[in-house]
Amino acid sequence: MSVEILDASTICNFINDSEFFTKSVEESFTAIDSNHDGLLSYTELASELKKLRVIETHFGIDDAVLSSDELDQLYQGMFARFDHDGNGSVDLEEYKSEIRELMLAIANGLGFMPVQMVLEEGSFLKLAVEREMAAAV
């Protein structure tokens, strides 16, 4: 993890660099695709989504406000968002499209005032910052 400064333009420039963005998404997809079949199953994507800690509320401590059934429904809903055609698996184009939408939502939330964030190594936001820093050199 590292502390970085970014704003919406950092993310938008990352997405607009189609070669870099596509390569980053492909590498992420390949890392998640544990059985290397070119598709992400619910199990593969859900394990990655759980790393996002969507119910984290207090600095790394999850509130136990959702039952395991409710959590399963949450992750099923998130998976359905990625599975555009509803066939029970996520292909690379569906994954890329959803990552793009998620990144644009983050950019929209950040706005154009720089913010300081703690970013995980290898995350799309960290890659966006690294791309911006390399372009500045």
N, C-alpha and C. Protein backbone atom coordinates (compact mmCIF):
# COMPACT_ATOMS: atom_id res chain seq x y z
N MET A 1 0.83 -1.18 0.00
CA MET A 1 0.00 0.00 0.00
C MET A 1 0.87 1.24 0.00
N SER A 2 0.35 2.27 -0.61
CA SER A 2 1.06 3.54 -0.61
C SER A 2 0.05 4.68 -0.62
N VAL A 3 0.49 5.83 -0.16
CA VAL A 3 -0.35 7.02 -0.14
C VAL A 3 -0.07 7.79 -1.43
N GLU A 4 -1.11 8.09 -2.17
CA GLU A 4 -0.97 8.76 -3.46
C GLU A 4 -1.96 9.92 -3.55
N ILE A 5 -1.66 10.84 -4.44
CA ILE A 5 -2.56 11.96 -4.71
C ILE A 5 -3.12 11.77 -6.12
N LEU A 6 -4.43 11.86 -6.23
CA LEU A 6 -5.07 11.69 -7.54
C LEU A 6 -6.35 12.49 -7.59
N ASP A 7 -6.86 12.66 -8.79
CA ASP A 7 -8.15 13.29 -9.00
C ASP A 7 -8.81 12.62 -10.19
N ALA A 8 -9.94 13.15 -10.61
CA ALA A 8 -10.69 12.53 -11.70
C ALA A 8 -9.87 12.43 -12.98
N SER A 9 -9.03 13.42 -13.24
CA SER A 9 -8.25 13.38 -14.49
C SER A 9 -7.26 12.22 -14.49
N THR A 10 -6.74 11.85 -13.32
CA THR A 10 -5.84 10.70 -13.22
C THR A 10 -6.55 9.45 -13.74
N ILE A 11 -7.78 9.27 -13.31
CA ILE A 11 -8.56 8.09 -13.69
C ILE A 11 -9.02 8.18 -15.14
N CYS A 12 -9.51 9.33 -15.55
CA CYS A 12 -9.99 9.49 -16.93
C CYS A 12 -8.86 9.30 -17.93
N ASN A 13 -7.69 9.84 -17.63
CA ASN A 13 -6.55 9.65 -18.53
C ASN A 13 -6.14 8.19 -18.61
N PHE A 14 -6.23 7.47 -17.50
CA PHE A 14 -5.95 6.04 -17.46
C PHE A 14 -6.91 5.28 -18.38
N ILE A 15 -8.19 5.59 -18.27
CA ILE A 15 -9.20 4.92 -19.10
C ILE A 15 -9.03 5.29 -20.57
N ASN A 16 -8.72 6.55 -20.84
CA ASN A 16 -8.59 7.02 -22.22
C ASN A 16 -7.33 6.51 -22.92
N ASP A 17 -6.36 6.06 -22.14
CA ASP A 17 -5.17 5.41 -22.72
C ASP A 17 -5.56 3.96 -22.98
N SER A 18 -6.26 3.73 -24.10
CA SER A 18 -6.88 2.43 -24.32
C SER A 18 -5.89 1.27 -24.30
N GLU A 19 -4.69 1.48 -24.79
CA GLU A 19 -3.70 0.40 -24.79
C GLU A 19 -3.30 0.03 -23.36
N PHE A 20 -3.00 1.02 -22.54
CA PHE A 20 -2.60 0.77 -21.16
C PHE A 20 -3.76 0.22 -20.34
N PHE A 21 -4.95 0.81 -20.51
CA PHE A 21 -6.13 0.36 -19.78
C PHE A 21 -6.47 -1.09 -20.14
N THR A 22 -6.49 -1.40 -21.43
CA THR A 22 -6.81 -2.76 -21.87
C THR A 22 -5.80 -3.76 -21.32
N LYS A 23 -4.52 -3.43 -21.38
CA LYS A 23 -3.49 -4.32 -20.85
C LYS A 23 -3.69 -4.54 -19.36
N SER A 24 -3.99 -3.49 -18.62
CA SER A 24 -4.21 -3.59 -17.17
C SER A 24 -5.41 -4.47 -16.86
N VAL A 25 -6.49 -4.29 -17.59
CA VAL A 25 -7.70 -5.10 -17.38
C VAL A 25 -7.43 -6.56 -17.74
N GLU A 26 -6.74 -6.79 -18.84
CA GLU A 26 -6.43 -8.17 -19.24
C GLU A 26 -5.58 -8.87 -18.19
N GLU A 27 -4.60 -8.18 -17.63
CA GLU A 27 -3.76 -8.77 -16.59
C GLU A 27 -4.57 -9.08 -15.34
N SER A 28 -5.46 -8.20 -14.96
CA SER A 28 -6.32 -8.44 -13.81
C SER A 28 -7.24 -9.63 -14.06
N PHE A 29 -7.85 -9.66 -15.23
CA PHE A 29 -8.76 -10.75 -15.60
C PHE A 29 -8.03 -12.09 -15.54
N THR A 30 -6.84 -12.14 -16.11
CA THR A 30 -6.05 -13.37 -16.12
C THR A 30 -5.71 -13.82 -14.70
N ALA A 31 -5.40 -12.88 -13.83
CA ALA A 31 -5.07 -13.22 -12.45
C ALA A 31 -6.28 -13.78 -11.70
N ILE A 32 -7.46 -13.30 -12.00
CA ILE A 32 -8.68 -13.75 -11.33
C ILE A 32 -9.14 -15.09 -11.90
N ASP A 33 -8.92 -15.32 -13.19
CA ASP A 33 -9.36 -16.54 -13.88
C ASP A 33 -8.50 -17.73 -13.46
N SER A 34 -8.79 -18.27 -12.28
CA SER A 34 -7.92 -19.29 -11.68
C SER A 34 -7.87 -20.60 -12.48
N ASN A 35 -8.93 -20.94 -13.20
CA ASN A 35 -8.89 -22.18 -13.99
C ASN A 35 -8.50 -21.94 -15.46
N HIS A 36 -8.20 -20.70 -15.78
CA HIS A 36 -7.67 -20.31 -17.10
C HIS A 36 -8.56 -20.74 -18.27
N ASP A 37 -9.89 -20.63 -18.06
CA ASP A 37 -10.80 -20.99 -19.14
C ASP A 37 -11.27 -19.78 -19.95
N GLY A 38 -10.76 -18.60 -19.61
CA GLY A 38 -11.13 -17.39 -20.35
C GLY A 38 -12.45 -16.79 -19.90
N LEU A 39 -13.03 -17.32 -18.82
CA LEU A 39 -14.27 -16.81 -18.27
C LEU A 39 -14.14 -16.72 -16.76
N LEU A 40 -14.84 -15.77 -16.16
CA LEU A 40 -14.85 -15.69 -14.71
C LEU A 40 -16.16 -16.27 -14.19
N SER A 41 -16.05 -17.27 -13.36
CA SER A 41 -17.22 -17.85 -12.72
C SER A 41 -17.62 -16.98 -11.53
N TYR A 42 -18.77 -17.27 -10.97
CA TYR A 42 -19.19 -16.55 -9.77
C TYR A 42 -18.15 -16.70 -8.67
N THR A 43 -17.66 -17.92 -8.47
CA THR A 43 -16.69 -18.18 -7.41
C THR A 43 -15.42 -17.38 -7.61
N GLU A 44 -14.92 -17.34 -8.84
CA GLU A 44 -13.69 -16.60 -9.12
C GLU A 44 -13.88 -15.11 -8.88
N LEU A 45 -14.96 -14.54 -9.42
CA LEU A 45 -15.17 -13.10 -9.28
C LEU A 45 -15.56 -12.73 -7.85
N ALA A 46 -16.37 -13.56 -7.21
CA ALA A 46 -16.79 -13.25 -5.84
C ALA A 46 -15.60 -13.21 -4.89
N SER A 47 -14.64 -14.09 -5.08
CA SER A 47 -13.47 -14.06 -4.20
C SER A 47 -12.70 -12.76 -4.38
N GLU A 48 -12.67 -12.24 -5.58
CA GLU A 48 -12.02 -10.95 -5.83
C GLU A 48 -12.86 -9.80 -5.28
N LEU A 49 -14.16 -9.86 -5.47
CA LEU A 49 -15.04 -8.81 -4.96
C LEU A 49 -14.99 -8.73 -3.44
N LYS A 50 -14.84 -9.85 -2.78
CA LYS A 50 -14.77 -9.86 -1.31
C LYS A 50 -13.55 -9.10 -0.82
N LYS A 51 -12.51 -9.05 -1.63
CA LYS A 51 -11.32 -8.29 -1.25
C LYS A 51 -11.59 -6.78 -1.21
N LEU A 52 -12.65 -6.36 -1.87
CA LEU A 52 -13.00 -4.94 -1.88
C LEU A 52 -13.59 -4.50 -0.55
N ARG A 53 -13.98 -5.44 0.28
CA ARG A 53 -14.48 -5.17 1.63
C ARG A 53 -15.61 -4.14 1.58
N VAL A 54 -16.65 -4.45 0.81
CA VAL A 54 -17.73 -3.49 0.60
C VAL A 54 -18.52 -3.18 1.85
N ILE A 55 -18.41 -4.00 2.89
CA ILE A 55 -19.13 -3.68 4.12
C ILE A 55 -18.21 -3.19 5.22
N GLU A 56 -16.95 -2.97 4.90
CA GLU A 56 -16.01 -2.45 5.90
C GLU A 56 -16.50 -1.10 6.38
N THR A 57 -16.49 -0.93 7.68
CA THR A 57 -17.00 0.33 8.21
C THR A 57 -16.01 1.06 9.10
N HIS A 58 -15.11 0.35 9.75
CA HIS A 58 -14.22 0.99 10.71
C HIS A 58 -12.78 0.54 10.51
N PHE A 59 -12.08 1.15 9.57
CA PHE A 59 -10.65 0.94 9.41
C PHE A 59 -10.24 -0.53 9.45
N GLY A 60 -10.81 -1.32 8.55
CA GLY A 60 -10.42 -2.72 8.45
C GLY A 60 -11.24 -3.67 9.27
N ILE A 61 -12.22 -3.17 10.01
CA ILE A 61 -13.07 -4.04 10.82
C ILE A 61 -14.46 -4.03 10.20
N ASP A 62 -14.94 -5.21 9.83
CA ASP A 62 -16.26 -5.31 9.22
C ASP A 62 -17.33 -5.39 10.29
N ASP A 63 -18.39 -4.64 10.09
CA ASP A 63 -19.55 -4.75 10.96
C ASP A 63 -20.30 -6.02 10.58
N ALA A 64 -20.76 -6.75 11.54
CA ALA A 64 -21.50 -7.98 11.29
C ALA A 64 -22.99 -7.65 11.15
N VAL A 65 -23.32 -6.75 10.25
CA VAL A 65 -24.70 -6.33 10.08
C VAL A 65 -25.44 -7.18 9.05
N LEU A 66 -24.72 -7.95 8.26
CA LEU A 66 -25.35 -8.78 7.24
C LEU A 66 -25.13 -10.25 7.57
N SER A 67 -26.19 -11.02 7.40
CA SER A 67 -26.07 -12.47 7.58
C SER A 67 -25.32 -13.04 6.38
N SER A 68 -24.92 -14.29 6.47
CA SER A 68 -24.21 -14.91 5.35
C SER A 68 -25.11 -14.98 4.12
N ASP A 69 -26.43 -15.17 4.32
CA ASP A 69 -27.36 -15.17 3.18
C ASP A 69 -27.43 -13.79 2.53
N GLU A 70 -27.45 -12.75 3.36
CA GLU A 70 -27.50 -11.39 2.83
C GLU A 70 -26.20 -11.05 2.10
N LEU A 71 -25.08 -11.49 2.64
CA LEU A 71 -23.79 -11.28 1.96
C LEU A 71 -23.77 -11.99 0.62
N ASP A 72 -24.28 -13.23 0.59
CA ASP A 72 -24.33 -13.98 -0.65
C ASP A 72 -25.18 -13.24 -1.69
N GLN A 73 -26.30 -12.69 -1.25
CA GLN A 73 -27.15 -11.92 -2.16
C GLN A 73 -26.43 -10.69 -2.68
N LEU A 74 -25.68 -10.04 -1.80
CA LEU A 74 -24.91 -8.87 -2.20
C LEU A 74 -23.92 -9.24 -3.31
N TYR A 75 -23.15 -10.31 -3.09
CA TYR A 75 -22.16 -10.70 -4.09
C TYR A 75 -22.80 -11.25 -5.35
N GLN A 76 -23.95 -11.90 -5.23
CA GLN A 76 -24.68 -12.34 -6.43
C GLN A 76 -25.11 -11.14 -7.26
N GLY A 77 -25.57 -10.09 -6.58
CA GLY A 77 -25.97 -8.87 -7.28
C GLY A 77 -24.80 -8.20 -7.97
N MET A 78 -23.66 -8.18 -7.28
CA MET A 78 -22.47 -7.59 -7.88
C MET A 78 -22.03 -8.41 -9.09
N PHE A 79 -22.09 -9.73 -8.97
CA PHE A 79 -21.72 -10.59 -10.09
C PHE A 79 -22.66 -10.33 -11.28
N ALA A 80 -23.95 -10.21 -11.00
CA ALA A 80 -24.93 -9.96 -12.06
C ALA A 80 -24.63 -8.66 -12.80
N ARG A 81 -24.11 -7.70 -12.08
CA ARG A 81 -23.74 -6.42 -12.72
C ARG A 81 -22.64 -6.63 -13.76
N PHE A 82 -21.69 -7.53 -13.48
CA PHE A 82 -20.62 -7.84 -14.43
C PHE A 82 -21.11 -8.73 -15.56
N ASP A 83 -22.01 -9.65 -15.26
CA ASP A 83 -22.49 -10.64 -16.23
C ASP A 83 -23.60 -10.04 -17.08
N HIS A 84 -23.22 -9.20 -18.02
CA HIS A 84 -24.17 -8.43 -18.82
C HIS A 84 -25.17 -9.30 -19.57
N ASP A 85 -24.72 -10.42 -20.11
CA ASP A 85 -25.63 -11.26 -20.89
C ASP A 85 -26.34 -12.32 -20.07
N GLY A 86 -26.06 -12.39 -18.78
CA GLY A 86 -26.77 -13.30 -17.88
C GLY A 86 -26.50 -14.77 -18.11
N ASN A 87 -25.35 -15.10 -18.70
CA ASN A 87 -25.06 -16.51 -19.00
C ASN A 87 -24.35 -17.25 -17.88
N GLY A 88 -24.14 -16.59 -16.75
CA GLY A 88 -23.53 -17.25 -15.60
C GLY A 88 -22.03 -17.17 -15.54
N SER A 89 -21.43 -16.45 -16.49
CA SER A 89 -19.99 -16.23 -16.45
C SER A 89 -19.69 -14.85 -17.03
N VAL A 90 -18.51 -14.35 -16.71
CA VAL A 90 -18.10 -13.02 -17.17
C VAL A 90 -16.92 -13.18 -18.11
N ASP A 91 -17.09 -12.69 -19.34
CA ASP A 91 -15.98 -12.74 -20.29
C ASP A 91 -15.15 -11.46 -20.17
N LEU A 92 -14.06 -11.41 -20.89
CA LEU A 92 -13.15 -10.28 -20.79
C LEU A 92 -13.82 -8.96 -21.15
N GLU A 93 -14.64 -8.93 -22.17
CA GLU A 93 -15.29 -7.68 -22.58
C GLU A 93 -16.28 -7.19 -21.54
N GLU A 94 -17.03 -8.12 -20.92
CA GLU A 94 -17.95 -7.72 -19.85
C GLU A 94 -17.17 -7.16 -18.67
N TYR A 95 -16.08 -7.82 -18.32
CA TYR A 95 -15.24 -7.39 -17.21
C TYR A 95 -14.65 -6.00 -17.50
N LYS A 96 -14.13 -5.82 -18.69
CA LYS A 96 -13.53 -4.54 -19.07
C LYS A 96 -14.58 -3.42 -19.04
N SER A 97 -15.74 -3.70 -19.55
CA SER A 97 -16.82 -2.70 -19.57
C SER A 97 -17.21 -2.29 -18.16
N GLU A 98 -17.33 -3.26 -17.27
CA GLU A 98 -17.74 -2.94 -15.90
C GLU A 98 -16.64 -2.23 -15.13
N ILE A 99 -15.40 -2.63 -15.34
CA ILE A 99 -14.28 -1.94 -14.68
C ILE A 99 -14.24 -0.49 -15.15
N ARG A 100 -14.46 -0.28 -16.43
CA ARG A 100 -14.49 1.08 -16.97
C ARG A 100 -15.59 1.89 -16.27
N GLU A 101 -16.78 1.32 -16.15
CA GLU A 101 -17.88 2.03 -15.50
C GLU A 101 -17.58 2.32 -14.03
N LEU A 102 -16.98 1.35 -13.34
CA LEU A 102 -16.62 1.56 -11.94
C LEU A 102 -15.59 2.67 -11.79
N MET A 103 -14.60 2.66 -12.67
CA MET A 103 -13.56 3.69 -12.61
C MET A 103 -14.14 5.07 -12.91
N LEU A 104 -15.05 5.15 -13.86
CA LEU A 104 -15.68 6.44 -14.16
C LEU A 104 -16.53 6.91 -12.99
N ALA A 105 -17.18 6.00 -12.29
CA ALA A 105 -17.96 6.37 -11.11
C ALA A 105 -17.05 6.91 -10.01
N ILE A 106 -15.90 6.29 -9.84
CA ILE A 106 -14.93 6.78 -8.85
C ILE A 106 -14.45 8.17 -9.25
N ALA A 107 -14.12 8.34 -10.54
CA ALA A 107 -13.67 9.65 -11.02
C ALA A 107 -14.73 10.71 -10.79
N ASN A 108 -15.96 10.36 -11.06
CA ASN A 108 -17.06 11.30 -10.85
C ASN A 108 -17.18 11.68 -9.38
N GLY A 109 -17.00 10.70 -8.50
CA GLY A 109 -17.06 10.96 -7.07
C GLY A 109 -15.91 11.82 -6.56
N LEU A 110 -14.72 11.62 -7.16
CA LEU A 110 -13.56 12.39 -6.72
C LEU A 110 -13.62 13.84 -7.16
N GLY A 111 -14.06 14.07 -8.38
CA GLY A 111 -14.04 15.41 -8.92
C GLY A 111 -12.62 15.81 -9.31
N PHE A 112 -12.41 17.10 -9.52
CA PHE A 112 -11.12 17.55 -10.02
C PHE A 112 -10.25 18.23 -8.97
N MET A 113 -10.62 18.08 -7.71
CA MET A 113 -9.76 18.55 -6.63
C MET A 113 -8.92 17.35 -6.19
N PRO A 114 -7.61 17.50 -6.17
CA PRO A 114 -6.75 16.37 -5.77
C PRO A 114 -7.07 15.89 -4.36
N VAL A 115 -7.08 14.56 -4.20
CA VAL A 115 -7.28 13.95 -2.89
C VAL A 115 -6.14 12.98 -2.63
N GLN A 116 -5.86 12.77 -1.38
CA GLN A 116 -4.83 11.84 -0.97
C GLN A 116 -5.52 10.55 -0.53
N MET A 117 -5.05 9.42 -1.08
CA MET A 117 -5.67 8.14 -0.78
C MET A 117 -4.60 7.08 -0.53
N VAL A 118 -4.95 6.10 0.27
CA VAL A 118 -4.11 4.93 0.43
C VAL A 118 -4.56 3.93 -0.63
N LEU A 119 -3.62 3.52 -1.48
CA LEU A 119 -3.93 2.63 -2.59
C LEU A 119 -3.17 1.32 -2.47
N GLU A 120 -3.85 0.25 -2.80
CA GLU A 120 -3.24 -1.07 -2.77
C GLU A 120 -2.41 -1.28 -4.04
N GLU A 121 -1.24 -1.86 -3.87
CA GLU A 121 -0.38 -2.16 -5.01
C GLU A 121 -1.15 -3.03 -6.01
N GLY A 122 -1.04 -2.69 -7.28
CA GLY A 122 -1.69 -3.47 -8.32
C GLY A 122 -3.15 -3.12 -8.57
N SER A 123 -3.73 -2.25 -7.72
CA SER A 123 -5.12 -1.85 -7.94
C SER A 123 -5.20 -0.95 -9.17
N PHE A 124 -6.39 -0.86 -9.74
CA PHE A 124 -6.55 -0.01 -10.92
C PHE A 124 -6.24 1.45 -10.59
N LEU A 125 -6.60 1.91 -9.40
CA LEU A 125 -6.28 3.29 -9.03
C LEU A 125 -4.78 3.50 -8.92
N LYS A 126 -4.08 2.53 -8.36
CA LYS A 126 -2.62 2.62 -8.25
C LYS A 126 -2.00 2.62 -9.65
N LEU A 127 -2.51 1.78 -10.53
CA LEU A 127 -2.01 1.75 -11.91
C LEU A 127 -2.26 3.08 -12.61
N ALA A 128 -3.39 3.71 -12.34
CA ALA A 128 -3.69 5.02 -12.93
C ALA A 128 -2.67 6.06 -12.47
N VAL A 129 -2.34 6.04 -11.18
CA VAL A 129 -1.35 6.97 -10.65
C VAL A 129 0.02 6.70 -11.26
N GLU A 130 0.41 5.43 -11.34
CA GLU A 130 1.72 5.07 -11.90
C GLU A 130 1.80 5.50 -13.36
N ARG A 131 0.72 5.32 -14.10
CA ARG A 131 0.70 5.75 -15.50
C ARG A 131 0.88 7.25 -15.60
N GLU A 132 0.19 7.99 -14.73
CA GLU A 132 0.30 9.45 -14.73
C GLU A 132 1.72 9.90 -14.39
N MET A 133 2.32 9.24 -13.43
CA MET A 133 3.70 9.60 -13.03
C MET A 133 4.69 9.29 -14.16
N ALA A 134 4.51 8.18 -14.85
CA ALA A 134 5.40 7.82 -15.96
C ALA A 134 5.24 8.80 -17.13
N ALA A 135 4.01 9.26 -17.35
CA ALA A 135 3.77 10.20 -18.44
C ALA A 135 4.39 11.57 -18.16
N ALA A 136 4.53 11.90 -16.89
CA ALA A 136 5.09 13.20 -16.49
C ALA A 136 6.60 13.27 -16.64
N VAL A 137 7.23 12.11 -16.74
CA VAL A 137 8.70 12.07 -16.82
C VAL A 137 9.18 12.41 -18.21
